[in-house]
C-alpha atoms as a PDB file:
ATOM      1  CA  UNK A   1      82.716 103.460 101.574  1.00  0.00           C
ATOM      2  CA  UNK A   2      85.794 103.039  99.392  1.00  0.00           C
ATOM      3  CA  UNK A   3      86.103 100.201  96.904  1.00  0.00           C
ATOM      4  CA  UNK A   4      89.040  98.955  94.844  1.00  0.00           C
ATOM      5  CA  UNK A   5      88.286  97.903  91.279  1.00  0.00           C
ATOM      6  CA  UNK A   6      91.101  95.592  90.174  1.00  0.00           C
ATOM      7  CA  UNK A   7      91.828  94.963  86.504  1.00  0.00           C
ATOM      8  CA  UNK A   8      93.803  91.924  85.392  1.00  0.00           C
ATOM      9  CA  UNK A   9      95.993  91.066  82.431  1.00  0.00           C
ATOM     10  CA  UNK A  10      98.667  88.637  81.307  1.00  0.00           C
ATOM     11  CA  UNK A  11     102.156  89.136  79.944  1.00  0.00           C
ATOM     12  CA  UNK A  12     100.653  88.379  76.528  1.00  0.00           C
ATOM     13  CA  UNK A  13      98.149  91.233  76.988  1.00  0.00           C
ATOM     14  CA  UNK A  14     100.966  93.635  77.838  1.00  0.00           C
ATOM     15  CA  UNK A  15     102.951  92.384  74.821  1.00  0.00           C
ATOM     16  CA  UNK A  16      99.993  92.976  72.469  1.00  0.00           C
ATOM     17  CA  UNK A  17      99.508  96.503  73.831  1.00  0.00           C
ATOM     18  CA  UNK A  18     103.167  97.271  73.175  1.00  0.00           C
ATOM     19  CA  UNK A  19     102.951  95.974  69.591  1.00  0.00           C
ATOM     20  CA  UNK A  20     104.916  92.751  70.043  1.00  0.00           C
ATOM     21  CA  UNK A  21     103.817  89.952  67.729  1.00  0.00           C
ATOM     22  CA  UNK A  22     101.640  87.262  69.216  1.00  0.00           C
ATOM     23  CA  UNK A  23      98.274  85.617  68.871  1.00  0.00           C
ATOM     24  CA  UNK A  24      95.537  87.850  67.508  1.00  0.00           C
ATOM     25  CA  UNK A  25      95.773  91.277  65.919  1.00  0.00           C
ATOM     26  CA  UNK A  26      98.417  93.740  67.063  1.00  0.00           C
ATOM     27  CA  UNK A  27      97.236  96.975  68.626  1.00  0.00           C
ATOM     28  CA  UNK A  28      97.627  99.915  66.277  1.00  0.00           C
ATOM     29  CA  UNK A  29      98.175 103.506  67.327  1.00  0.00           C
ATOM     30  CA  UNK A  30      94.471 104.121  66.656  1.00  0.00           C
ATOM     31  CA  UNK A  31      93.502 101.187  68.899  1.00  0.00           C
ATOM     32  CA  UNK A  32      95.684 102.550  71.707  1.00  0.00           C
ATOM     33  CA  UNK A  33      94.199 106.039  71.251  1.00  0.00           C
ATOM     34  CA  UNK A  34      90.682 104.585  71.517  1.00  0.00           C
ATOM     35  CA  UNK A  35      91.639 102.719  74.706  1.00  0.00           C
ATOM     36  CA  UNK A  36      93.248 105.836  76.172  1.00  0.00           C
ATOM     37  CA  UNK A  37      90.197 107.963  75.280  1.00  0.00           C
ATOM     38  CA  UNK A  38      87.851 105.391  76.857  1.00  0.00           C
ATOM     39  CA  UNK A  39      89.835 105.248  80.116  1.00  0.00           C
ATOM     40  CA  UNK A  40      90.184 109.052  80.217  1.00  0.00           C
ATOM     41  CA  UNK A  41      86.404 109.409  79.887  1.00  0.00           C
ATOM     42  CA  UNK A  42      85.742 106.665  82.479  1.00  0.00           C
ATOM     43  CA  UNK A  43      88.084 108.297  85.004  1.00  0.00           C
ATOM     44  CA  UNK A  44      86.803 111.782  84.118  1.00  0.00           C
ATOM     45  CA  UNK A  45      83.215 110.735  84.816  1.00  0.00           C
ATOM     46  CA  UNK A  46      84.309 109.458  88.245  1.00  0.00           C
ATOM     47  CA  UNK A  47      86.147 112.713  89.001  1.00  0.00           C
ATOM     48  CA  UNK A  48      83.103 114.705  87.922  1.00  0.00           C
ATOM     49  CA  UNK A  49      80.756 112.628  90.117  1.00  0.00           C
ATOM     50  CA  UNK A  50      83.125 112.969  93.082  1.00  0.00           C
ATOM     51  CA  UNK A  51      83.623 109.195  93.310  1.00  0.00           C
ATOM     52  CA  UNK A  52      87.230 109.061  92.064  1.00  0.00           C
ATOM     53  CA  UNK A  53      89.934 108.493  94.696  1.00  0.00           C
ATOM     54  CA  UNK A  54      92.948 107.060  92.837  1.00  0.00           C
ATOM     55  CA  UNK A  55      93.907 104.956  89.813  1.00  0.00           C
ATOM     56  CA  UNK A  56      97.166 103.447  88.649  1.00  0.00           C
ATOM     57  CA  UNK A  57      98.280 101.093  85.920  1.00  0.00           C
ATOM     58  CA  UNK A  58     101.068  98.648  86.656  1.00  0.00           C
ATOM     59  CA  UNK A  59     104.011  97.568  84.508  1.00  0.00           C
ATOM     60  CA  UNK A  60     104.100  94.259  82.678  1.00  0.00           C
ATOM     61  CA  UNK A  61     104.577  91.084  84.745  1.00  0.00           C
ATOM     62  CA  UNK A  62     108.069  90.677  83.291  1.00  0.00           C
ATOM     63  CA  UNK A  63     109.062  93.634  85.513  1.00  0.00           C
ATOM     64  CA  UNK A  64     107.639  92.100  88.707  1.00  0.00           C
ATOM     65  CA  UNK A  65     109.289  90.293  91.577  1.00  0.00           C
ATOM     66  CA  UNK A  66     107.727  87.834  93.956  1.00  0.00           C
ATOM     67  CA  UNK A  67     109.121  87.372  97.457  1.00  0.00           C
ATOM     68  CA  UNK A  68     108.161  84.246  99.380  1.00  0.00           C
ATOM     69  CA  UNK A  69     109.542  82.396 102.354  1.00  0.00           C
ATOM     70  CA  UNK A  70     111.228  79.031 101.939  1.00  0.00           C
ATOM     71  CA  UNK A  71     112.401  77.440 105.164  1.00  0.00           C
ATOM     72  CA  UNK A  72     112.093  80.848 106.843  1.00  0.00           C
ATOM     73  CA  UNK A  73     114.346  82.592 104.287  1.00  0.00           C
ATOM     74  CA  UNK A  74     113.047  85.146 101.745  1.00  0.00           C
ATOM     75  CA  UNK A  75     113.416  83.901  98.167  1.00  0.00           C
ATOM     76  CA  UNK A  76     113.048  86.382  95.295  1.00  0.00           C
ATOM     77  CA  UNK A  77     111.756  85.307  91.878  1.00  0.00           C
ATOM     78  CA  UNK A  78     111.678  87.615  88.854  1.00  0.00           C
ATOM     79  CA  UNK A  79     108.476  87.596  86.782  1.00  0.00           C
ATOM     80  CA  UNK A  80     106.562  86.641  84.829  1.00  0.00           C
ATOM     81  CA  UNK A  81     105.468  83.590  86.744  1.00  0.00           C
ATOM     82  CA  UNK A  82     104.700  80.353  84.954  1.00  0.00           C
ATOM     83  CA  UNK A  83     102.218  79.283  87.639  1.00  0.00           C
ATOM     84  CA  UNK A  84      99.900  82.241  86.990  1.00  0.00           C
ATOM     85  CA  UNK A  85      98.605  83.580  83.704  1.00  0.00           C
ATOM     86  CA  UNK A  86      96.942  86.750  84.965  1.00  0.00           C
ATOM     87  CA  UNK A  87      98.240  89.394  87.296  1.00  0.00           C
ATOM     88  CA  UNK A  88      96.966  92.691  88.596  1.00  0.00           C
ATOM     89  CA  UNK A  89      97.329  95.150  85.686  1.00  0.00           C
ATOM     90  CA  UNK A  90      95.922  98.217  87.402  1.00  0.00           C
ATOM     91  CA  UNK A  91      93.389  99.475  89.851  1.00  0.00           C
ATOM     92  CA  UNK A  92      90.940 102.265  90.508  1.00  0.00           C
ATOM     93  CA  UNK A  93      89.729 103.289  93.933  1.00  0.00           C
ATOM     94  CA  UNK A  94      86.296 104.845  94.140  1.00  0.00           C
ATOM     95  CA  UNK A  95      84.332 106.201  97.060  1.00  0.00           C
ATOM     96  CA  UNK A  96      80.646 105.740  96.499  1.00  0.00           C
ATOM     97  CA  UNK A  97      77.362 105.057  98.234  1.00  0.00           C
ATOM     98  CA  UNK A  98      77.194 101.282  97.859  1.00  0.00           C
ATOM     99  CA  UNK A  99      78.727  98.049  96.618  1.00  0.00           C
ATOM    100  CA  UNK A 100      76.066  98.072  93.887  1.00  0.00           C
ATOM    101  CA  UNK A 101      77.234 101.506  92.695  1.00  0.00           C
ATOM    102  CA  UNK A 102      80.878 100.323  92.653  1.00  0.00           C
ATOM    103  CA  UNK A 103      79.716  97.334  90.587  1.00  0.00           C
ATOM    104  CA  UNK A 104      77.932  99.650  88.112  1.00  0.00           C
ATOM    105  CA  UNK A 105      81.131 101.682  87.747  1.00  0.00           C
ATOM    106  CA  UNK A 106      83.232  98.565  87.135  1.00  0.00           C
ATOM    107  CA  UNK A 107      80.716  97.125  84.663  1.00  0.00           C
ATOM    108  CA  UNK A 108      81.379 100.054  82.316  1.00  0.00           C
ATOM    109  CA  UNK A 109      84.831  98.536  81.734  1.00  0.00           C
ATOM    110  CA  UNK A 110      83.177  95.703  79.783  1.00  0.00           C
ATOM    111  CA  UNK A 111      82.965  98.165  76.863  1.00  0.00           C
ATOM    112  CA  UNK A 112      86.718  98.819  76.815  1.00  0.00           C
ATOM    113  CA  UNK A 113      87.749  99.119  73.155  1.00  0.00           C
ATOM    114  CA  UNK A 114      90.085  96.594  71.553  1.00  0.00           C
ATOM    115  CA  UNK A 115      91.220  95.732  68.016  1.00  0.00           C
ATOM    116  CA  UNK A 116      88.669  94.147  65.699  1.00  0.00           C
ATOM    117  CA  UNK A 117      88.969  90.363  65.777  1.00  0.00           C
ATOM    118  CA  UNK A 118      90.656  90.194  69.173  1.00  0.00           C
ATOM    119  CA  UNK A 119      90.075  86.864  70.866  1.00  0.00           C
ATOM    120  CA  UNK A 120      90.433  86.983  74.634  1.00  0.00           C
ATOM    121  CA  UNK A 121      92.754  84.315  76.014  1.00  0.00           C
ATOM    122  CA  UNK A 122      90.834  84.320  79.279  1.00  0.00           C
ATOM    123  CA  UNK A 123      87.338  85.347  80.232  1.00  0.00           C
ATOM    124  CA  UNK A 124      87.225  89.080  80.989  1.00  0.00           C
ATOM    125  CA  UNK A 125      86.654  90.122  84.580  1.00  0.00           C
ATOM    126  CA  UNK A 126      87.466  92.712  87.214  1.00  0.00           C
ATOM    127  CA  UNK A 127      87.305  92.280  90.968  1.00  0.00           C
ATOM    128  CA  UNK A 128      85.654  94.784  93.294  1.00  0.00           C
ATOM    129  CA  UNK A 129      86.487  94.755  96.986  1.00  0.00           C
ATOM    130  CA  UNK A 130      85.624  97.096  99.825  1.00  0.00           C
ATOM    131  CA  UNK A 131      88.640  98.766 101.409  1.00  0.00           C
ATOM    132  CA  UNK A 132      89.108  98.212 105.130  1.00  0.00           C
ATOM    133  CA  UNK A 133      88.763 101.428 107.152  1.00  0.00           C
ATOM    134  CA  UNK A 134      88.530  99.773 110.559  1.00  0.00           C
ATOM    135  CA  UNK A 135      88.723  96.391 112.234  1.00  0.00           C
ATOM    136  CA  UNK A 136      84.925  96.222 112.080  1.00  0.00           C
ATOM    137  CA  UNK A 137      85.230  96.060 108.260  1.00  0.00           C
ATOM    138  CA  UNK A 138      87.088  92.746 108.591  1.00  0.00           C
ATOM    139  CA  UNK A 139      84.008  90.977 109.955  1.00  0.00           C
ATOM    140  CA  UNK A 140      81.850  88.898 107.643  1.00  0.00           C
END
């Protein structure tokens, strides 16, 4: 079964990663290297185990657009969106034996490196969802 592991972030998170001033310590080049090394190892382990399918990071929310219908007409809004603090920051798709195994894989992300003294604005989490292969997967 395939599972999507979805990672979330806010515009503030993206700003900190790019070195813009804000609350908490700025990310240094060394911090970014540690993060990159961690993610490279995490993805590499999945490739080596044969569980890796795909992974992509997304741009900052400021580069997003939301399309919604208002009175039957599409309305486009440029991001970031005041009504939501966190957005999808990236995802990894794995193919593994069970939901429990996908959860184990995602739980490793709890050790993602960050600058000393960083205070999270929101509680850390990732979502894990099975990917629909057939209509039968939509049940339950």
